[in-house]
């Protein structure tokens, strides 16, 4: 049985897309957290 069938390609593509989306969400979360921490730090300084 070959693994390179159109259905399998679609499944793999979906998996990769999902993984990329998760990574992007993680990056966005990290950026938001860093921004929040920086704001708190600036507030303490002021």
PDB file of N, CA and C in Angstrom:
ATOM      1  N   UNK A   1       0.842  -1.194   0.000  1.00  0.00           N
ATOM      2  CA  UNK A   1       0.000   0.000   0.000  1.00  0.00           C
ATOM      3  C   UNK A   1       0.882   1.250   0.000  1.00  0.00           C
ATOM      4  N   UNK A   2       0.654   2.127  -0.958  1.00  0.00           N
ATOM      5  CA  UNK A   2       1.493   3.327  -1.027  1.00  0.00           C
ATOM      6  C   UNK A   2       0.967   4.394  -0.073  1.00  0.00           C
ATOM      7  N   UNK A   3       1.880   5.160   0.488  1.00  0.00           N
ATOM      8  CA  UNK A   3       1.499   6.185   1.470  1.00  0.00           C
ATOM      9  C   UNK A   3       1.218   7.522   0.783  1.00  0.00           C
ATOM     10  N   UNK A   4       1.643   7.647  -0.474  1.00  0.00           N
ATOM     11  CA  UNK A   4       1.523   8.930  -1.158  1.00  0.00           C
ATOM     12  C   UNK A   4       0.225   9.045  -1.952  1.00  0.00           C
ATOM     13  N   UNK A   5      -0.879   8.705  -1.316  1.00  0.00           N
ATOM     14  CA  UNK A   5      -2.179   8.830  -1.976  1.00  0.00           C
ATOM     15  C   UNK A   5      -2.718  10.236  -1.727  1.00  0.00           C
ATOM     16  N   UNK A   6      -3.603  10.714  -2.572  1.00  0.00           N
ATOM     17  CA  UNK A   6      -4.152  12.060  -2.368  1.00  0.00           C
ATOM     18  C   UNK A   6      -4.752  12.253  -0.976  1.00  0.00           C
ATOM     19  N   UNK A   7      -5.447  11.231  -0.477  1.00  0.00           N
ATOM     20  CA  UNK A   7      -6.057  11.343   0.854  1.00  0.00           C
ATOM     21  C   UNK A   7      -4.976  11.514   1.922  1.00  0.00           C
ATOM     22  N   UNK A   8      -3.920  10.712   1.813  1.00  0.00           N
ATOM     23  CA  UNK A   8      -2.825  10.803   2.784  1.00  0.00           C
ATOM     24  C   UNK A   8      -2.130  12.152   2.698  1.00  0.00           C
ATOM     25  N   UNK A   9      -1.933  12.625   1.462  1.00  0.00           N
ATOM     26  CA  UNK A   9      -1.299  13.940   1.292  1.00  0.00           C
ATOM     27  C   UNK A   9      -2.113  15.007   2.005  1.00  0.00           C
ATOM     28  N   UNK A  10      -3.443  14.918   1.873  1.00  0.00           N
ATOM     29  CA  UNK A  10      -4.318  15.913   2.512  1.00  0.00           C
ATOM     30  C   UNK A  10      -4.187  15.831   4.037  1.00  0.00           C
ATOM     31  N   UNK A  11      -4.162  14.605   4.565  1.00  0.00           N
ATOM     32  CA  UNK A  11      -4.043  14.429   6.016  1.00  0.00           C
ATOM     33  C   UNK A  11      -2.736  15.043   6.504  1.00  0.00           C
ATOM     34  N   UNK A  12      -1.652  14.744   5.787  1.00  0.00           N
ATOM     35  CA  UNK A  12      -0.341  15.260   6.187  1.00  0.00           C
ATOM     36  C   UNK A  12      -0.338  16.782   6.112  1.00  0.00           C
ATOM     37  N   UNK A  13      -0.924  17.319   5.034  1.00  0.00           N
ATOM     38  CA  UNK A  13      -0.975  18.773   4.860  1.00  0.00           C
ATOM     39  C   UNK A  13      -1.747  19.409   6.006  1.00  0.00           C
ATOM     40  N   UNK A  14      -2.878  18.792   6.383  1.00  0.00           N
ATOM     41  CA  UNK A  14      -3.690  19.309   7.484  1.00  0.00           C
ATOM     42  C   UNK A  14      -2.901  19.284   8.798  1.00  0.00           C
ATOM     43  N   UNK A  15      -2.176  18.179   9.021  1.00  0.00           N
ATOM     44  CA  UNK A  15      -1.382  18.058  10.248  1.00  0.00           C
ATOM     45  C   UNK A  15      -0.344  19.170  10.316  1.00  0.00           C
ATOM     46  N   UNK A  16       0.353  19.390   9.184  1.00  0.00           N
ATOM     47  CA  UNK A  16       1.394  20.422   9.148  1.00  0.00           C
ATOM     48  C   UNK A  16       0.768  21.791   9.375  1.00  0.00           C
ATOM     49  N   UNK A  17      -0.375  22.048   8.748  1.00  0.00           N
ATOM     50  CA  UNK A  17      -1.053  23.338   8.896  1.00  0.00           C
ATOM     51  C   UNK A  17      -1.445  23.554  10.357  1.00  0.00           C
ATOM     52  N   UNK A  18      -1.960  22.507  10.985  1.00  0.00           N
ATOM     53  CA  UNK A  18      -2.381  22.608  12.382  1.00  0.00           C
ATOM     54  C   UNK A  18      -1.174  22.924  13.265  1.00  0.00           C
ATOM     55  N   UNK A  19      -0.062  22.243  12.987  1.00  0.00           N
ATOM     56  CA  UNK A  19       1.150  22.441  13.776  1.00  0.00           C
ATOM     57  C   UNK A  19       1.634  23.885  13.636  1.00  0.00           C
ATOM     58  N   UNK A  20       1.642  24.378  12.391  1.00  0.00           N
ATOM     59  CA  UNK A  20       2.083  25.756  12.148  1.00  0.00           C
ATOM     60  C   UNK A  20       1.183  26.739  12.881  1.00  0.00           C
ATOM     61  N   UNK A  21      -0.125  26.495  12.832  1.00  0.00           N
ATOM     62  CA  UNK A  21      -1.076  27.390  13.494  1.00  0.00           C
ATOM     63  C   UNK A  21      -0.814  27.410  15.004  1.00  0.00           C
ATOM     64  N   UNK A  22      -0.580  26.243  15.575  1.00  0.00           N
ATOM     65  CA  UNK A  22      -0.298  26.159  17.013  1.00  0.00           C
ATOM     66  C   UNK A  22       0.959  26.946  17.348  1.00  0.00           C
ATOM     67  N   UNK A  23       1.991  26.808  16.501  1.00  0.00           N
ATOM     68  CA  UNK A  23       3.243  27.517  16.752  1.00  0.00           C
ATOM     69  C   UNK A  23       3.023  29.019  16.695  1.00  0.00           C
ATOM     70  N   UNK A  24       2.244  29.473  15.697  1.00  0.00           N
ATOM     71  CA  UNK A  24       1.969  30.905  15.569  1.00  0.00           C
ATOM     72  C   UNK A  24       1.211  31.413  16.792  1.00  0.00           C
ATOM     73  N   UNK A  25       0.244  30.632  17.266  1.00  0.00           N
ATOM     74  CA  UNK A  25      -0.516  31.028  18.454  1.00  0.00           C
ATOM     75  C   UNK A  25       0.407  31.120  19.666  1.00  0.00           C
ATOM     76  N   UNK A  26       1.325  30.163  19.776  1.00  0.00           N
ATOM     77  CA  UNK A  26       2.267  30.167  20.896  1.00  0.00           C
ATOM     78  C   UNK A  26       3.141  31.416  20.844  1.00  0.00           C
ATOM     79  N   UNK A  27       3.595  31.774  19.639  1.00  0.00           N
ATOM     80  CA  UNK A  27       4.431  32.970  19.481  1.00  0.00           C
ATOM     81  C   UNK A  27       3.637  34.207  19.881  1.00  0.00           C
ATOM     82  N   UNK A  28       2.386  34.280  19.443  1.00  0.00           N
ATOM     83  CA  UNK A  28       1.543  35.434  19.767  1.00  0.00           C
ATOM     84  C   UNK A  28       1.348  35.539  21.281  1.00  0.00           C
ATOM     85  N   UNK A  29       1.099  34.397  21.921  1.00  0.00           N
ATOM     86  CA  UNK A  29       0.918  34.387  23.379  1.00  0.00           C
ATOM     87  C   UNK A  29       2.175  34.888  24.077  1.00  0.00           C
ATOM     88  N   UNK A  30       3.333  34.387  23.619  1.00  0.00           N
ATOM     89  CA  UNK A  30       4.595  34.779  24.240  1.00  0.00           C
ATOM     90  C   UNK A  30       4.819  36.279  24.092  1.00  0.00           C
ATOM     91  N   UNK A  31       4.537  36.809  22.890  1.00  0.00           N
ATOM     92  CA  UNK A  31       4.702  38.250  22.656  1.00  0.00           C
ATOM     93  C   UNK A  31       3.796  39.045  23.584  1.00  0.00           C
ATOM     94  N   UNK A  32       2.550  38.606  23.734  1.00  0.00           N
ATOM     95  CA  UNK A  32       1.598  39.307  24.595  1.00  0.00           C
ATOM     96  C   UNK A  32       2.096  39.284  26.043  1.00  0.00           C
ATOM     97  N   UNK A  33       2.596  38.133  26.476  1.00  0.00           N
ATOM     98  CA  UNK A  33       3.107  38.011  27.844  1.00  0.00           C
ATOM     99  C   UNK A  33       4.291  38.948  28.056  1.00  0.00           C
ATOM    100  N   UNK A  34       5.211  38.962  27.105  1.00  0.00           N
ATOM    101  CA  UNK A  34       6.384  39.825  27.222  1.00  0.00           C
ATOM    102  C   UNK A  34       5.964  41.282  27.313  1.00  0.00           C
ATOM    103  N   UNK A  35       4.994  41.661  26.488  1.00  0.00           N
ATOM    104  CA  UNK A  35       4.498  43.041  26.481  1.00  0.00           C
ATOM    105  C   UNK A  35       3.928  43.389  27.855  1.00  0.00           C
ATOM    106  N   UNK A  36       3.135  42.466  28.409  1.00  0.00           N
ATOM    107  CA  UNK A  36       2.513  42.683  29.715  1.00  0.00           C
ATOM    108  C   UNK A  36       3.579  42.865  30.792  1.00  0.00           C
ATOM    109  N   UNK A  37       4.577  41.977  30.772  1.00  0.00           N
ATOM    110  CA  UNK A  37       5.651  42.040  31.768  1.00  0.00           C
ATOM    111  C   UNK A  37       6.389  43.370  31.639  1.00  0.00           C
ATOM    112  N   UNK A  38       6.649  43.791  30.418  1.00  0.00           N
ATOM    113  CA  UNK A  38       7.356  45.049  30.182  1.00  0.00           C
ATOM    114  C   UNK A  38       6.536  46.224  30.716  1.00  0.00           C
ATOM    115  N   UNK A  39       5.231  46.194  30.484  1.00  0.00           N
ATOM    116  CA  UNK A  39       4.368  47.277  30.971  1.00  0.00           C
ATOM    117  C   UNK A  39       4.415  47.340  32.497  1.00  0.00           C
ATOM    118  N   UNK A  40       4.347  46.184  33.145  1.00  0.00           N
ATOM    119  CA  UNK A  40       4.391  46.144  34.608  1.00  0.00           C
ATOM    120  C   UNK A  40       5.734  46.669  35.104  1.00  0.00           C
ATOM    121  N   UNK A  41       6.797  46.295  34.411  1.00  0.00           N
ATOM    122  CA  UNK A  41       8.137  46.724  34.785  1.00  0.00           C
ATOM    123  C   UNK A  41       8.244  48.241  34.664  1.00  0.00           C
ATOM    124  N   UNK A  42       7.742  48.783  33.547  1.00  0.00           N
ATOM    125  CA  UNK A  42       7.775  50.232  33.334  1.00  0.00           C
ATOM    126  C   UNK A  42       6.935  50.937  34.393  1.00  0.00           C
ATOM    127  N   UNK A  43       5.814  50.350  34.766  1.00  0.00           N
ATOM    128  CA  UNK A  43       4.938  50.952  35.769  1.00  0.00           C
ATOM    129  C   UNK A  43       5.649  51.003  37.123  1.00  0.00           C
ATOM    130  N   UNK A  44       6.396  49.946  37.446  1.00  0.00           N
ATOM    131  CA  UNK A  44       7.129  49.916  38.716  1.00  0.00           C
ATOM    132  C   UNK A  44       8.230  50.969  38.713  1.00  0.00           C
ATOM    133  N   UNK A  45       8.885  51.131  37.578  1.00  0.00           N
ATOM    134  CA  UNK A  45       9.972  52.100  37.447  1.00  0.00           C
ATOM    135  C   UNK A  45       9.454  53.516  37.643  1.00  0.00           C
ATOM    136  N   UNK A  46       8.318  53.821  37.031  1.00  0.00           N
ATOM    137  CA  UNK A  46       7.789  55.194  37.025  1.00  0.00           C
ATOM    138  C   UNK A  46       7.385  55.660  38.425  1.00  0.00           C
TER     139      UNK A  46
END
